[in-house]
Amino acid sequence: MTNDAASLGTALGLPSVLLLWIAVLMRSPSGLRAAPQRAVWLAVTTAAAAMTLDLPAVIAAAARHSDANVVAVSRNVLGVLSAGAVLYFVAQATVGVRQLGMALGLAIGTVLAVLLSLDFAALPHLRIVVPVTGPPAPSLFYWLVLISTHLVANALCVLLCLRYGRPSGRGSLTVSLRLFGLGTALVGVYWLGYLIRVTTGGRWPLPWLPLLMDLHGVLRALAILVPTFALLGRALSNIAVAWRLWPMWNDLVTAVPQVALARPRHRIWDVLWPRVPYSVLSYRRVIETRDAILALTDYVSPIHAAASASGPPRQGEPVAPDAEALASLVKSARHAKLQGFAPVRQQVGLSSSGSADLVDETAFLLRMAKAYHSDPPRTEAVRR
């Protein structure tokens, strides 16, 4: 089983690094612009760079063309910077960056100075590494400093994610914190494995370590991509609303074009080349459909409108039939309008769902749109 874990870890190395870089590039605008996201973005960016330098192909190329130890030093420096970014994230979410920012920078700088000094002062060595057998290079103390730095940063980050990753109204934030915390926990186990190796000489954790690092990369990449996924989900939802309402909306604005803020286009162009953001497109579609229903009120037979209402109508108050009944009435009113019938002032007016909530209104209109094209027009609904 350990051989399978080692093979899987080797196979996932490059895909996990590529996923990390994709996530870093996709989130770089908001990560650089928004201070609350900057620490997490920096942590993932430096981790991606460190994991890139740990790829077998990169190590082999470094051995051929340069000093492999330089690559190992750079990897560990980036790893410590990633740990510093994680601590920055913890400080940002708890006591504030102003109080700990300078102290944190000084601490990370001190750790890097100690590591570089230990590397230069050690006996000649080809590469900073923990071998399967034999003592770690350049020294045990070097690795204890490096491992303890990562363990402290990861432990604090996991505690923070556990505290703030509880279910709340902000679902995307909860998911992001849980994924980031789980990835951080995995990389914490990764460093615990190295701690066992350098302190006890036990080799059993080593085959699992590449897999832990790869899974950590995947989870952290997904964590910072959660806002992107949420944005994509909202966009798809808005596209679906605009697409499904389009047939009924297009029929209605043909009869009452004054309710449309822009000239109607085919729904394919609305999706592929929108003139406004999808959220605005969906909102307009709902509002214009509702306005069209109101504009067609005077073309509906008051008898049928009252019969379709849930209760006896009161003068001056809108009638709120169910979605199927309203679809039939509106289709008949549109037919009467296009046939040239003169409007007749009604004692009651049509409304859609009667809800002030946009979500409920949208759901009602979607049910109405489904019924609209399955119901033939009732021309007898207009009586003169």
Protein backbone atom coordinates (compact mmCIF):
# COMPACT_ATOMS: atom_id res chain seq x y z
CA MET A 1 0.00 0.00 0.00
CA THR A 2 2.89 2.34 0.70
CA ASN A 3 4.16 1.72 -2.83
CA ASP A 4 0.75 2.68 -4.23
CA ALA A 5 0.75 5.86 -2.14
CA ALA A 6 4.22 6.76 -3.36
CA SER A 7 3.25 6.12 -6.99
CA LEU A 8 0.06 8.15 -6.65
CA GLY A 9 1.99 10.99 -5.04
CA THR A 10 4.46 11.01 -7.91
CA ALA A 11 1.66 10.95 -10.49
CA LEU A 12 -0.25 13.82 -8.83
CA GLY A 13 2.81 16.04 -8.46
CA LEU A 14 2.60 17.90 -11.76
CA PRO A 15 -1.25 18.11 -11.93
CA SER A 16 -1.45 19.55 -8.41
CA VAL A 17 1.20 22.17 -9.21
CA LEU A 18 -0.58 23.13 -12.44
CA LEU A 19 -3.89 23.45 -10.59
CA LEU A 20 -2.22 25.67 -8.01
CA TRP A 21 -0.82 27.98 -10.67
CA ILE A 22 -4.16 28.14 -12.47
CA ALA A 23 -5.84 29.11 -9.20
CA VAL A 24 -3.15 31.70 -8.46
CA LEU A 25 -3.51 33.31 -11.88
CA MET A 26 -7.31 33.32 -11.78
CA ARG A 27 -7.42 34.89 -8.33
CA SER A 28 -4.49 37.28 -8.78
CA PRO A 29 -6.63 40.39 -9.56
CA SER A 30 -8.68 40.13 -6.35
CA GLY A 31 -5.77 38.70 -4.37
CA LEU A 32 -3.56 41.68 -5.13
CA ARG A 33 -6.33 44.26 -4.85
CA ALA A 34 -8.22 43.14 -1.73
CA ALA A 35 -6.23 43.21 1.52
CA PRO A 36 -8.32 40.48 3.25
CA GLN A 37 -7.48 38.02 0.44
CA ARG A 38 -3.86 39.01 -0.05
CA ALA A 39 -2.38 36.82 2.69
CA VAL A 40 -4.11 33.66 1.48
CA TRP A 41 -3.16 34.41 -2.12
CA LEU A 42 0.48 34.96 -1.12
CA ALA A 43 0.49 31.72 0.88
CA VAL A 44 -0.81 29.74 -2.09
CA THR A 45 1.51 31.51 -4.55
CA THR A 46 4.66 30.82 -2.54
CA ALA A 47 3.53 27.24 -1.88
CA ALA A 48 3.02 26.75 -5.63
CA ALA A 49 6.51 28.08 -6.32
CA ALA A 50 8.04 25.82 -3.65
CA MET A 51 6.20 22.76 -4.98
CA THR A 52 7.34 23.61 -8.50
CA LEU A 53 10.96 23.54 -7.38
CA ASP A 54 10.33 20.15 -5.77
CA LEU A 55 9.16 18.50 -9.00
CA PRO A 56 11.48 15.68 -10.14
CA ALA A 57 11.91 17.26 -13.57
CA VAL A 58 12.99 20.58 -12.04
CA ILE A 59 15.40 18.84 -9.66
CA ALA A 60 16.90 16.82 -12.52
CA ALA A 61 17.32 19.93 -14.67
CA ALA A 62 18.97 21.76 -11.77
CA ALA A 63 21.37 18.87 -11.25
CA ARG A 64 22.39 19.02 -14.91
CA HIS A 65 22.69 22.76 -15.38
CA SER A 66 23.33 24.27 -11.95
CA ASP A 67 23.77 23.53 -8.27
CA ALA A 68 20.93 21.36 -6.96
CA ASN A 69 21.47 22.82 -3.51
CA VAL A 70 20.51 26.28 -4.79
CA VAL A 71 17.14 24.90 -5.85
CA ALA A 72 16.65 23.25 -2.46
CA VAL A 73 17.57 26.49 -0.64
CA SER A 74 15.14 28.46 -2.83
CA ARG A 75 12.41 25.90 -2.20
CA ASN A 76 12.81 26.11 1.56
CA VAL A 77 12.93 29.92 1.48
CA LEU A 78 9.66 29.96 -0.45
CA GLY A 79 8.21 27.45 2.00
CA VAL A 80 9.08 29.66 4.96
CA LEU A 81 7.60 32.67 3.17
CA SER A 82 4.43 30.63 2.61
CA ALA A 83 4.35 29.84 6.33
CA GLY A 84 4.80 33.55 7.02
CA ALA A 85 1.88 34.37 4.74
CA VAL A 86 -0.23 31.84 6.61
CA LEU A 87 0.70 33.49 9.92
CA TYR A 88 -0.12 36.86 8.36
CA PHE A 89 -3.55 35.47 7.47
CA VAL A 90 -4.02 34.29 11.07
CA ALA A 91 -2.96 37.68 12.46
CA GLN A 92 -5.22 39.48 10.01
CA ALA A 93 -8.25 37.51 11.13
CA THR A 94 -7.60 37.74 14.88
CA VAL A 95 -5.66 40.59 16.47
CA GLY A 96 -4.97 42.68 13.39
CA VAL A 97 -1.98 43.12 11.12
CA ARG A 98 -0.81 46.45 12.50
CA GLN A 99 0.01 44.97 15.89
CA LEU A 100 1.82 41.89 14.59
CA GLY A 101 2.86 42.80 11.07
CA MET A 102 6.31 44.10 11.93
CA ALA A 103 6.96 41.39 14.52
CA LEU A 104 5.89 38.72 12.05
CA GLY A 105 8.18 40.09 9.36
CA LEU A 106 11.06 40.18 11.81
CA ALA A 107 10.39 36.59 12.93
CA ILE A 108 10.28 35.26 9.37
CA GLY A 109 13.43 37.17 8.50
CA THR A 110 15.16 35.69 11.54
CA VAL A 111 14.13 32.16 10.61
CA LEU A 112 15.45 32.63 7.07
CA ALA A 113 18.72 34.06 8.37
CA VAL A 114 19.15 31.12 10.74
CA LEU A 115 18.43 28.59 8.00
CA LEU A 116 20.84 30.20 5.54
CA SER A 117 23.52 30.45 8.21
CA LEU A 118 23.12 26.79 9.14
CA ASP A 119 23.35 25.82 5.49
CA PHE A 120 26.54 27.82 4.88
CA ALA A 121 28.14 26.69 8.15
CA ALA A 122 27.45 23.00 7.63
CA LEU A 123 29.86 20.45 6.24
CA PRO A 124 29.99 20.24 2.43
CA HIS A 125 26.79 18.66 1.09
CA LEU A 126 25.31 18.24 -2.35
CA ARG A 127 21.72 19.11 -1.46
CA ILE A 128 19.45 19.96 1.45
CA VAL A 129 17.54 16.73 1.87
CA VAL A 130 16.21 14.16 4.32
CA PRO A 131 17.44 10.86 2.86
CA VAL A 132 15.76 7.53 3.28
CA THR A 133 18.78 6.36 5.23
CA GLY A 134 21.41 8.35 7.02
CA PRO A 135 21.39 11.74 8.76
CA PRO A 136 19.57 14.75 7.28
CA ALA A 137 21.60 17.32 5.37
CA PRO A 138 22.87 19.89 6.15
CA SER A 139 22.11 19.21 9.83
CA LEU A 140 19.46 18.02 12.23
CA PHE A 141 19.10 21.48 13.76
CA TYR A 142 18.43 22.98 10.32
CA TRP A 143 15.51 20.64 9.79
CA LEU A 144 14.17 21.12 13.30
CA VAL A 145 14.02 24.89 12.74
CA LEU A 146 12.36 24.45 9.35
CA ILE A 147 9.86 21.85 10.53
CA SER A 148 8.90 23.74 13.70
CA THR A 149 8.26 26.92 11.69
CA HIS A 150 5.84 25.10 9.42
CA LEU A 151 4.14 23.22 12.24
CA VAL A 152 3.48 26.38 14.25
CA ALA A 153 2.08 28.25 11.24
CA ASN A 154 -0.05 25.32 10.12
CA ALA A 155 -1.42 24.60 13.61
CA LEU A 156 -2.51 28.21 14.10
CA CYS A 157 -4.09 28.28 10.65
CA VAL A 158 -6.03 25.06 11.25
CA LEU A 159 -7.36 26.41 14.57
CA LEU A 160 -8.43 29.62 12.85
CA CYS A 161 -10.21 27.74 10.06
CA LEU A 162 -11.97 25.52 12.60
CA ARG A 163 -13.15 28.58 14.50
CA TYR A 164 -14.41 30.61 11.55
CA GLY A 165 -15.30 27.75 9.21
CA ARG A 166 -18.50 26.86 11.02
CA PRO A 167 -21.74 26.95 9.03
CA SER A 168 -22.96 30.49 8.57
CA GLY A 169 -24.91 32.61 6.14
CA ARG A 170 -21.82 33.06 3.96
CA GLY A 171 -21.64 29.60 2.45
CA SER A 172 -18.76 30.27 0.07
CA LEU A 173 -16.59 31.63 2.90
CA THR A 174 -17.33 28.58 5.04
CA VAL A 175 -16.43 26.18 2.23
CA SER A 176 -13.27 28.13 1.40
CA LEU A 177 -12.08 28.13 5.02
CA ARG A 178 -12.79 24.43 5.43
CA LEU A 179 -10.90 23.52 2.27
CA PHE A 180 -7.98 25.76 3.20
CA GLY A 181 -7.93 24.38 6.73
CA LEU A 182 -8.03 20.78 5.51
CA GLY A 183 -5.19 21.44 3.07
CA THR A 184 -3.20 23.09 5.84
CA ALA A 185 -3.84 20.12 8.12
CA LEU A 186 -2.52 17.76 5.46
CA VAL A 187 0.67 19.74 5.01
CA GLY A 188 0.98 19.78 8.80
CA VAL A 189 0.90 15.97 8.77
CA TYR A 190 3.50 16.14 5.99
CA TRP A 191 5.89 18.03 8.26
CA LEU A 192 5.08 15.72 11.17
CA GLY A 193 6.22 12.86 8.96
CA TYR A 194 9.54 14.59 8.42
CA LEU A 195 9.80 15.27 12.15
CA ILE A 196 9.38 11.55 12.86
CA ARG A 197 12.05 10.73 10.31
CA VAL A 198 14.70 13.19 11.55
CA THR A 199 14.13 12.56 15.27
CA THR A 200 13.46 8.81 15.43
CA GLY A 201 14.90 7.56 12.16
CA GLY A 202 11.58 5.96 11.24
CA ARG A 203 11.18 5.66 7.48
CA TRP A 204 7.55 4.56 7.30
CA PRO A 205 6.08 8.10 6.78
CA LEU A 206 8.28 8.89 3.75
CA PRO A 207 6.22 7.11 1.02
CA TRP A 208 3.12 9.03 2.08
CA LEU A 209 4.64 12.50 2.13
CA PRO A 210 4.46 13.34 -1.61
CA LEU A 211 0.77 12.38 -1.68
CA LEU A 212 0.05 14.56 1.35
CA MET A 213 1.78 17.52 -0.27
CA ASP A 214 -0.10 17.03 -3.55
CA LEU A 215 -3.49 16.78 -1.83
CA HIS A 216 -2.63 19.89 0.18
CA GLY A 217 -1.98 21.72 -3.09
CA VAL A 218 -5.27 20.59 -4.61
CA LEU A 219 -7.27 21.62 -1.54
CA ARG A 220 -5.64 25.03 -1.26
CA ALA A 221 -6.19 25.65 -4.96
CA LEU A 222 -9.87 24.76 -4.59
CA ALA A 223 -10.10 26.95 -1.48
CA ILE A 224 -9.06 30.12 -3.27
CA LEU A 225 -11.18 29.17 -6.30
CA VAL A 226 -14.40 28.94 -4.24
CA PRO A 227 -15.32 32.61 -4.94
CA THR A 228 -14.74 31.96 -8.64
CA PHE A 229 -16.97 28.89 -8.52
CA ALA A 230 -19.62 30.87 -6.63
CA LEU A 231 -19.46 33.67 -9.19
CA LEU A 232 -19.73 31.15 -12.02
CA GLY A 233 -22.70 29.51 -10.32
CA ARG A 234 -24.52 32.82 -9.99
CA ALA A 235 -23.77 33.66 -13.62
CA LEU A 236 -25.14 30.30 -14.79
CA SER A 237 -28.24 30.77 -12.63
CA ASN A 238 -28.86 34.22 -14.11
CA ILE A 239 -28.30 32.90 -17.62
CA ALA A 240 -30.80 30.10 -16.97
CA VAL A 241 -33.42 32.58 -15.75
CA ALA A 242 -32.96 34.87 -18.75
CA TRP A 243 -32.97 31.91 -21.15
CA ARG A 244 -36.12 30.29 -19.74
CA LEU A 245 -38.07 33.54 -19.53
CA TRP A 246 -37.08 34.68 -23.01
CA PRO A 247 -39.89 33.00 -25.06
CA MET A 248 -42.70 34.41 -22.92
CA TRP A 249 -40.90 37.71 -22.40
CA ASN A 250 -40.33 38.10 -26.15
CA ASP A 251 -44.02 37.44 -26.86
CA LEU A 252 -45.12 39.99 -24.28
CA VAL A 253 -42.73 42.79 -25.25
CA THR A 254 -43.81 42.32 -28.86
CA ALA A 255 -47.30 43.32 -27.74
CA VAL A 256 -46.20 46.02 -25.27
CA PRO A 257 -42.73 47.11 -26.44
CA GLN A 258 -42.71 50.15 -24.16
CA VAL A 259 -41.80 47.97 -21.16
CA ALA A 260 -38.49 46.86 -22.68
CA LEU A 261 -35.46 48.97 -21.84
CA ALA A 262 -33.55 47.70 -24.88
CA ARG A 263 -34.42 46.30 -28.26
CA PRO A 264 -35.13 42.55 -27.98
CA ARG A 265 -32.55 40.15 -29.39
CA HIS A 266 -32.47 36.40 -29.78
CA ARG A 267 -31.64 34.71 -26.53
CA ILE A 268 -28.52 33.10 -27.99
CA TRP A 269 -27.00 36.56 -28.45
CA ASP A 270 -28.07 37.55 -24.96
CA VAL A 271 -26.01 34.65 -23.61
CA LEU A 272 -23.02 34.81 -25.94
CA TRP A 273 -22.76 38.60 -26.25
CA PRO A 274 -24.70 40.25 -23.40
CA ARG A 275 -25.12 44.00 -23.43
CA VAL A 276 -25.28 44.08 -19.64
CA PRO A 277 -23.95 41.78 -16.89
CA TYR A 278 -25.87 38.54 -16.53
CA SER A 279 -27.22 39.60 -13.15
CA VAL A 280 -28.67 42.75 -14.70
CA LEU A 281 -29.98 40.78 -17.68
CA SER A 282 -31.83 38.36 -15.41
CA TYR A 283 -33.20 41.19 -13.26
CA ARG A 284 -34.40 43.13 -16.30
CA ARG A 285 -36.07 40.06 -17.71
CA VAL A 286 -38.06 39.57 -14.51
CA ILE A 287 -39.02 43.24 -14.14
CA GLU A 288 -39.95 43.69 -17.79
CA THR A 289 -42.05 40.53 -17.74
CA ARG A 290 -43.90 41.75 -14.67
CA ASP A 291 -44.41 45.19 -16.22
CA ALA A 292 -45.74 43.57 -19.39
CA ILE A 293 -48.28 41.62 -17.34
CA LEU A 294 -49.49 44.86 -15.76
CA ALA A 295 -49.58 46.63 -19.13
CA LEU A 296 -51.85 43.91 -20.56
CA THR A 297 -54.36 44.11 -17.71
CA ASP A 298 -56.91 46.15 -19.67
CA TYR A 299 -57.02 43.51 -22.41
CA VAL A 300 -58.21 40.75 -20.07
CA SER A 301 -61.83 39.94 -19.44
CA PRO A 302 -62.62 40.99 -15.86
CA ILE A 303 -64.85 37.94 -15.49
CA HIS A 304 -62.02 35.55 -16.30
CA ALA A 305 -59.56 37.56 -14.23
CA ALA A 306 -61.82 37.40 -11.20
CA ALA A 307 -62.51 33.71 -11.76
CA SER A 308 -58.79 32.99 -11.85
CA ALA A 309 -58.08 34.82 -8.59
CA SER A 310 -57.70 32.95 -5.36
CA GLY A 311 -60.53 34.89 -3.78
CA PRO A 312 -63.15 37.57 -4.58
CA PRO A 313 -61.45 40.66 -6.03
CA ARG A 314 -61.58 44.04 -4.34
CA GLN A 315 -61.82 47.12 -6.48
CA GLY A 316 -58.44 48.67 -7.16
CA GLU A 317 -56.47 45.71 -5.86
CA PRO A 318 -54.50 43.43 -8.19
CA VAL A 319 -55.60 39.90 -8.88
CA ALA A 320 -52.98 37.26 -8.10
CA PRO A 321 -53.97 34.01 -9.84
CA ASP A 322 -51.74 30.98 -9.86
CA ALA A 323 -49.00 30.68 -12.48
CA GLU A 324 -50.97 28.48 -14.89
CA ALA A 325 -54.09 30.66 -14.77
CA LEU A 326 -52.07 33.85 -15.17
CA ALA A 327 -50.24 32.39 -18.17
CA SER A 328 -53.57 31.68 -19.85
CA LEU A 329 -54.92 35.16 -19.08
CA VAL A 330 -51.80 36.95 -20.26
CA LYS A 331 -51.65 34.95 -23.49
CA SER A 332 -55.28 35.83 -24.19
CA ALA A 333 -54.63 39.48 -23.38
CA ARG A 334 -51.61 39.55 -25.70
CA HIS A 335 -53.70 37.99 -28.48
CA ALA A 336 -56.40 40.62 -27.97
CA LYS A 337 -53.85 43.44 -28.02
CA LEU A 338 -52.31 42.21 -31.26
CA GLN A 339 -55.78 41.77 -32.80
CA GLY A 340 -56.40 45.47 -32.27
CA PHE A 341 -59.02 45.37 -29.55
CA ALA A 342 -59.32 48.60 -27.63
CA PRO A 343 -58.36 48.45 -23.98
CA VAL A 344 -61.12 48.62 -21.41
CA ARG A 345 -60.41 49.97 -17.96
CA GLN A 346 -60.67 47.10 -15.51
CA GLN A 347 -61.76 47.28 -11.92
CA VAL A 348 -59.07 44.78 -11.02
CA GLY A 349 -55.48 44.54 -12.18
CA LEU A 350 -53.27 41.56 -12.79
CA SER A 351 -50.17 40.94 -10.75
CA SER A 352 -47.63 38.15 -10.85
CA SER A 353 -46.76 36.41 -7.59
CA GLY A 354 -47.59 39.35 -5.39
CA SER A 355 -44.27 38.84 -3.62
CA ALA A 356 -41.79 41.61 -2.94
CA ASP A 357 -38.98 39.06 -2.86
CA LEU A 358 -37.07 38.77 -6.13
CA VAL A 359 -36.34 35.07 -5.63
CA ASP A 360 -40.02 34.21 -5.14
CA GLU A 361 -41.03 36.45 -8.02
CA THR A 362 -38.51 34.78 -10.32
CA ALA A 363 -39.64 31.29 -9.33
CA PHE A 364 -43.27 32.24 -10.00
CA LEU A 365 -42.48 33.68 -13.43
CA LEU A 366 -40.48 30.59 -14.37
CA ARG A 367 -43.51 28.42 -13.55
CA MET A 368 -45.65 30.79 -15.54
CA ALA A 369 -43.29 30.68 -18.52
CA LYS A 370 -43.47 26.89 -18.51
CA ALA A 371 -47.27 26.99 -18.56
CA TYR A 372 -47.40 29.83 -21.09
CA HIS A 373 -46.37 27.76 -24.10
CA SER A 374 -48.43 24.74 -23.13
CA ASP A 375 -51.70 26.68 -23.02
CA PRO A 376 -53.63 27.83 -26.12
CA PRO A 377 -54.81 31.45 -26.14
CA ARG A 378 -58.34 32.10 -24.92
CA THR A 379 -59.58 34.78 -27.27
CA GLU A 380 -62.93 34.74 -25.57
CA ALA A 381 -61.23 36.28 -22.55
CA VAL A 382 -61.72 39.68 -24.19
CA ARG A 383 -65.28 40.79 -24.16
CA ARG A 384 -66.58 43.98 -25.67
